[in-house]
Amino acid sequence: MIWFIGTRLGSTVYPSSIPISNMSAGQIFRDYVRFVGVGAIAAAGIFGIAKSLRSVVGRVLPAIYGCNGLVDIETAEQVVAAN
């Protein structure tokens, strides 16, 4: 896809210093595709952390409330499980 779009452009596209139409497959991979892959992996990690955050908070809050004597541990776990 990068090659398809880049061959129709006459100028260079950042971060490379040569036009995509003059690049080999290795150069396109090194200058463009690798960064897209790294970005996708980072986004997947961020989404994974966000998805598991509710579970982590749901397990930590009852422990905090129980240690401080604010509520009984079993009661706090029941409240978290209900939400």
C-alpha atoms as a PDB file:
ATOM      1  CA  MET A   1       0.000   0.000   0.000  1.00  0.00           C
ATOM      2  CA  ILE A   2       2.847   2.372   0.784  1.00  0.00           C
ATOM      3  CA  TRP A   3       4.455   1.577  -2.551  1.00  0.00           C
ATOM      4  CA  PHE A   4       1.125   1.986  -4.386  1.00  0.00           C
ATOM      5  CA  ILE A   5       0.548   5.458  -2.946  1.00  0.00           C
ATOM      6  CA  GLY A   6       4.197   6.502  -3.054  1.00  0.00           C
ATOM      7  CA  THR A   7       4.695   5.707  -6.732  1.00  0.00           C
ATOM      8  CA  ARG A   8       2.081   8.305  -7.644  1.00  0.00           C
ATOM      9  CA  LEU A   9       3.837  11.020  -5.649  1.00  0.00           C
ATOM     10  CA  GLY A  10       6.707  12.776  -7.325  1.00  0.00           C
ATOM     11  CA  SER A  11       8.312  14.106  -4.162  1.00  0.00           C
ATOM     12  CA  THR A  12       9.790  12.560  -1.053  1.00  0.00           C
ATOM     13  CA  VAL A  13       7.686  11.667   1.961  1.00  0.00           C
ATOM     14  CA  TYR A  14       9.103  12.122   5.458  1.00  0.00           C
ATOM     15  CA  PRO A  15      11.167  10.419   6.995  1.00  0.00           C
ATOM     16  CA  SER A  16      12.933   9.314   3.815  1.00  0.00           C
ATOM     17  CA  SER A  17      15.104  11.507   1.649  1.00  0.00           C
ATOM     18  CA  ILE A  18      14.353   9.735  -1.656  1.00  0.00           C
ATOM     19  CA  PRO A  19      11.004   9.239  -3.441  1.00  0.00           C
ATOM     20  CA  ILE A  20       9.163   5.996  -2.684  1.00  0.00           C
ATOM     21  CA  SER A  21       9.048   5.161  -6.395  1.00  0.00           C
ATOM     22  CA  ASN A  22      12.872   4.925  -6.369  1.00  0.00           C
ATOM     23  CA  MET A  23      13.073   2.705  -3.250  1.00  0.00           C
ATOM     24  CA  SER A  24      13.643  -1.014  -2.987  1.00  0.00           C
ATOM     25  CA  ALA A  25      11.409  -3.222  -0.836  1.00  0.00           C
ATOM     26  CA  GLY A  26      14.015  -3.201   1.937  1.00  0.00           C
ATOM     27  CA  GLN A  27      14.205   0.580   1.972  1.00  0.00           C
ATOM     28  CA  ILE A  28      10.406   0.908   2.130  1.00  0.00           C
ATOM     29  CA  PHE A  29      10.314  -1.549   5.026  1.00  0.00           C
ATOM     30  CA  ARG A  30      13.117   0.218   6.881  1.00  0.00           C
ATOM     31  CA  ASP A  31      11.744   3.732   6.378  1.00  0.00           C
ATOM     32  CA  TYR A  32       7.955   3.196   6.649  1.00  0.00           C
ATOM     33  CA  VAL A  33       6.556  -0.268   7.376  1.00  0.00           C
ATOM     34  CA  ARG A  34       8.608  -0.853  10.509  1.00  0.00           C
ATOM     35  CA  PHE A  35       7.205   2.292  12.132  1.00  0.00           C
ATOM     36  CA  VAL A  36       3.631   1.260  11.347  1.00  0.00           C
ATOM     37  CA  GLY A  37       4.262  -2.114  13.001  1.00  0.00           C
ATOM     38  CA  VAL A  38       5.773  -0.570  16.104  1.00  0.00           C
ATOM     39  CA  GLY A  39       2.813   1.804  16.376  1.00  0.00           C
ATOM     40  CA  ALA A  40       0.349  -1.076  16.085  1.00  0.00           C
ATOM     41  CA  ILE A  41       2.122  -3.018  18.833  1.00  0.00           C
ATOM     42  CA  ALA A  42       2.136   0.048  21.093  1.00  0.00           C
ATOM     43  CA  ALA A  43      -1.573   0.655  20.475  1.00  0.00           C
ATOM     44  CA  ALA A  44      -2.379  -2.982  21.286  1.00  0.00           C
ATOM     45  CA  GLY A  45      -0.448  -2.663  24.548  1.00  0.00           C
ATOM     46  CA  ILE A  46      -2.288   0.506  25.521  1.00  0.00           C
ATOM     47  CA  PHE A  47      -5.658  -1.095  24.728  1.00  0.00           C
ATOM     48  CA  GLY A  48      -4.694  -4.181  26.750  1.00  0.00           C
ATOM     49  CA  ILE A  49      -3.735  -2.084  29.765  1.00  0.00           C
ATOM     50  CA  ALA A  50      -6.956  -0.081  29.525  1.00  0.00           C
ATOM     51  CA  LYS A  51      -9.012  -3.259  29.269  1.00  0.00           C
ATOM     52  CA  SER A  52      -7.394  -4.877  32.320  1.00  0.00           C
ATOM     53  CA  LEU A  53      -7.445  -1.701  34.414  1.00  0.00           C
ATOM     54  CA  ARG A  54     -11.012  -2.321  35.597  1.00  0.00           C
ATOM     55  CA  SER A  55     -10.059  -5.767  36.845  1.00  0.00           C
ATOM     56  CA  VAL A  56      -6.974  -4.468  38.644  1.00  0.00           C
ATOM     57  CA  VAL A  57      -8.882  -1.648  40.337  1.00  0.00           C
ATOM     58  CA  GLY A  58     -11.649  -4.083  41.255  1.00  0.00           C
ATOM     59  CA  ARG A  59      -9.149  -6.249  43.126  1.00  0.00           C
ATOM     60  CA  VAL A  60      -7.091  -3.485  44.726  1.00  0.00           C
ATOM     61  CA  LEU A  61      -9.909  -1.341  46.148  1.00  0.00           C
ATOM     62  CA  PRO A  62     -11.384  -4.066  48.396  1.00  0.00           C
ATOM     63  CA  ALA A  63      -7.920  -4.737  49.779  1.00  0.00           C
ATOM     64  CA  ILE A  64      -7.365  -1.055  50.519  1.00  0.00           C
ATOM     65  CA  TYR A  65     -10.770  -0.652  52.134  1.00  0.00           C
ATOM     66  CA  GLY A  66     -10.274  -3.846  54.151  1.00  0.00           C
ATOM     67  CA  CYS A  67      -6.818  -2.844  55.403  1.00  0.00           C
ATOM     68  CA  ASN A  68      -8.095   0.533  56.531  1.00  0.00           C
ATOM     69  CA  GLY A  69     -11.016  -1.072  58.343  1.00  0.00           C
ATOM     70  CA  LEU A  70     -13.546   0.917  56.323  1.00  0.00           C
ATOM     71  CA  VAL A  71     -15.528  -2.133  55.196  1.00  0.00           C
ATOM     72  CA  ASP A  72     -15.367  -5.874  55.502  1.00  0.00           C
ATOM     73  CA  ILE A  73     -13.362  -7.541  52.693  1.00  0.00           C
ATOM     74  CA  GLU A  74     -16.223  -9.867  51.704  1.00  0.00           C
ATOM     75  CA  THR A  75     -18.659  -6.934  51.531  1.00  0.00           C
ATOM     76  CA  ALA A  76     -16.293  -4.904  49.365  1.00  0.00           C
ATOM     77  CA  GLU A  77     -15.766  -7.853  46.987  1.00  0.00           C
ATOM     78  CA  GLN A  78     -19.522  -8.328  46.664  1.00  0.00           C
ATOM     79  CA  VAL A  79     -19.965  -4.645  45.795  1.00  0.00           C
ATOM     80  CA  VAL A  80     -17.206  -4.779  43.162  1.00  0.00           C
ATOM     81  CA  ALA A  81     -18.606  -8.004  41.692  1.00  0.00           C
ATOM     82  CA  ALA A  82     -22.070  -6.424  41.407  1.00  0.00           C
ATOM     83  CA  ASN A  83     -20.678  -3.538  39.311  1.00  0.00           C
END
